[in-house]
Amino acid sequence: MVWRGYMYTFLLFVVAFVQSMMLHQYFHRCMVVGMRIRSSLVAAVYKKVGFVDLSFYYVGFSTLCSVLARVGLVAVVHRYLML
């Protein structure tokens, strides 16, 4: 009956290993999807604005919000930030 202890130990190791691999895959996919959403949002903002001007970066977040309000992307950014 000693073999049952070894079997339970082995099964516990296998289950923990499979769980770890599944969680790793899940987090990897979440990161990839998040980066795709972020890059598509940035591309949509630059496409809507029509030029790439990073001067708002040095001014502040309020200026960025006013630029986005002018081009009509506030709802998209707000929805993205609520994720």
C-alpha atoms as a PDB file:
ATOM      1  CA  MET A   1       0.000   0.000   0.000  1.00  0.00           C
ATOM      2  CA  VAL A   2       3.038   2.285  -0.016  1.00  0.00           C
ATOM      3  CA  TRP A   3       2.610   2.746  -3.756  1.00  0.00           C
ATOM      4  CA  ARG A   4      -0.599   4.751  -3.143  1.00  0.00           C
ATOM      5  CA  GLY A   5       1.397   7.454  -1.382  1.00  0.00           C
ATOM      6  CA  TYR A   6       3.832   7.645  -4.278  1.00  0.00           C
ATOM      7  CA  MET A   7       0.942   7.700  -6.731  1.00  0.00           C
ATOM      8  CA  TYR A   8      -0.789  10.552  -4.880  1.00  0.00           C
ATOM      9  CA  THR A   9       2.476  12.461  -4.708  1.00  0.00           C
ATOM     10  CA  PHE A  10       3.083  11.990  -8.410  1.00  0.00           C
ATOM     11  CA  LEU A  11      -0.493  12.992  -9.295  1.00  0.00           C
ATOM     12  CA  LEU A  12      -0.227  16.071  -7.104  1.00  0.00           C
ATOM     13  CA  PHE A  13       2.966  17.060  -8.915  1.00  0.00           C
ATOM     14  CA  VAL A  14       1.379  16.500 -12.337  1.00  0.00           C
ATOM     15  CA  VAL A  15      -1.727  18.524 -11.438  1.00  0.00           C
ATOM     16  CA  ALA A  16       0.388  21.393 -10.052  1.00  0.00           C
ATOM     17  CA  PHE A  17       2.564  21.328 -13.183  1.00  0.00           C
ATOM     18  CA  VAL A  18      -0.436  21.386 -15.534  1.00  0.00           C
ATOM     19  CA  GLN A  19      -2.029  24.179 -13.504  1.00  0.00           C
ATOM     20  CA  SER A  20       1.152  26.212 -13.708  1.00  0.00           C
ATOM     21  CA  MET A  21       1.400  25.735 -17.476  1.00  0.00           C
ATOM     22  CA  MET A  22      -2.246  26.690 -17.998  1.00  0.00           C
ATOM     23  CA  LEU A  23      -1.909  29.836 -15.886  1.00  0.00           C
ATOM     24  CA  HIS A  24       1.244  30.797 -17.758  1.00  0.00           C
ATOM     25  CA  GLN A  25      -0.564  30.417 -21.087  1.00  0.00           C
ATOM     26  CA  TYR A  26      -3.549  32.403 -19.784  1.00  0.00           C
ATOM     27  CA  PHE A  27      -1.395  35.311 -18.571  1.00  0.00           C
ATOM     28  CA  HIS A  28       0.596  35.288 -21.811  1.00  0.00           C
ATOM     29  CA  ARG A  29      -2.551  35.516 -23.915  1.00  0.00           C
ATOM     30  CA  CYS A  30      -3.955  38.284 -21.706  1.00  0.00           C
ATOM     31  CA  MET A  31      -0.757  40.278 -22.108  1.00  0.00           C
ATOM     32  CA  VAL A  32      -0.768  39.796 -25.888  1.00  0.00           C
ATOM     33  CA  VAL A  33      -4.417  40.831 -26.176  1.00  0.00           C
ATOM     34  CA  GLY A  34      -3.784  43.847 -23.932  1.00  0.00           C
ATOM     35  CA  MET A  35      -0.851  44.975 -26.030  1.00  0.00           C
ATOM     36  CA  ARG A  36      -2.878  44.564 -29.224  1.00  0.00           C
ATOM     37  CA  ILE A  37      -5.722  46.640 -27.768  1.00  0.00           C
ATOM     38  CA  ARG A  38      -3.306  49.295 -26.602  1.00  0.00           C
ATOM     39  CA  SER A  39      -1.468  49.496 -29.930  1.00  0.00           C
ATOM     40  CA  SER A  40      -4.708  49.630 -31.919  1.00  0.00           C
ATOM     41  CA  LEU A  41      -6.025  52.386 -29.661  1.00  0.00           C
ATOM     42  CA  VAL A  42      -2.846  54.421 -30.113  1.00  0.00           C
ATOM     43  CA  ALA A  43      -2.997  53.860 -33.868  1.00  0.00           C
ATOM     44  CA  ALA A  44      -6.645  54.948 -33.939  1.00  0.00           C
ATOM     45  CA  VAL A  45      -5.826  58.116 -32.009  1.00  0.00           C
ATOM     46  CA  TYR A  46      -2.937  59.015 -34.325  1.00  0.00           C
ATOM     47  CA  LYS A  47      -5.023  58.208 -37.390  1.00  0.00           C
ATOM     48  CA  LYS A  48      -7.909  60.321 -36.126  1.00  0.00           C
ATOM     49  CA  VAL A  49      -5.645  63.249 -35.264  1.00  0.00           C
ATOM     50  CA  GLY A  50      -3.895  62.976 -38.620  1.00  0.00           C
ATOM     51  CA  PHE A  51      -0.369  63.632 -37.442  1.00  0.00           C
ATOM     52  CA  VAL A  52       2.070  62.367 -34.876  1.00  0.00           C
ATOM     53  CA  ASP A  53       2.773  65.170 -32.450  1.00  0.00           C
ATOM     54  CA  LEU A  54       4.072  64.302 -29.009  1.00  0.00           C
ATOM     55  CA  SER A  55       4.018  67.865 -27.709  1.00  0.00           C
ATOM     56  CA  PHE A  56       1.015  66.999 -25.507  1.00  0.00           C
ATOM     57  CA  TYR A  57       3.261  64.564 -23.646  1.00  0.00           C
ATOM     58  CA  TYR A  58       5.290  67.404 -22.233  1.00  0.00           C
ATOM     59  CA  VAL A  59       2.276  69.569 -21.392  1.00  0.00           C
ATOM     60  CA  GLY A  60       0.218  67.095 -19.382  1.00  0.00           C
ATOM     61  CA  PHE A  61      -2.740  64.807 -19.269  1.00  0.00           C
ATOM     62  CA  SER A  62      -5.338  67.599 -19.395  1.00  0.00           C
ATOM     63  CA  THR A  63      -4.009  68.777 -22.755  1.00  0.00           C
ATOM     64  CA  LEU A  64      -4.189  65.212 -24.047  1.00  0.00           C
ATOM     65  CA  CYS A  65      -7.822  65.039 -22.939  1.00  0.00           C
ATOM     66  CA  SER A  66      -8.617  68.295 -24.720  1.00  0.00           C
ATOM     67  CA  VAL A  67      -6.985  67.027 -27.934  1.00  0.00           C
ATOM     68  CA  LEU A  68      -8.963  63.804 -27.705  1.00  0.00           C
ATOM     69  CA  ALA A  69     -12.148  65.772 -27.037  1.00  0.00           C
ATOM     70  CA  ARG A  70     -11.573  67.792 -30.189  1.00  0.00           C
ATOM     71  CA  VAL A  71     -11.246  64.681 -32.339  1.00  0.00           C
ATOM     72  CA  GLY A  72     -14.057  62.802 -30.595  1.00  0.00           C
ATOM     73  CA  LEU A  73     -12.135  59.930 -29.036  1.00  0.00           C
ATOM     74  CA  VAL A  74     -12.868  60.592 -25.368  1.00  0.00           C
ATOM     75  CA  ALA A  75     -15.418  57.773 -25.162  1.00  0.00           C
ATOM     76  CA  VAL A  76     -13.005  55.291 -26.724  1.00  0.00           C
ATOM     77  CA  VAL A  77     -10.183  56.232 -24.350  1.00  0.00           C
ATOM     78  CA  HIS A  78     -12.514  56.221 -21.348  1.00  0.00           C
ATOM     79  CA  ARG A  79     -13.770  52.759 -22.286  1.00  0.00           C
ATOM     80  CA  TYR A  80     -10.173  51.573 -22.716  1.00  0.00           C
ATOM     81  CA  LEU A  81      -9.108  52.921 -19.324  1.00  0.00           C
ATOM     82  CA  MET A  82     -12.053  51.213 -17.607  1.00  0.00           C
ATOM     83  CA  LEU A  83     -10.883  47.738 -18.707  1.00  0.00           C
END
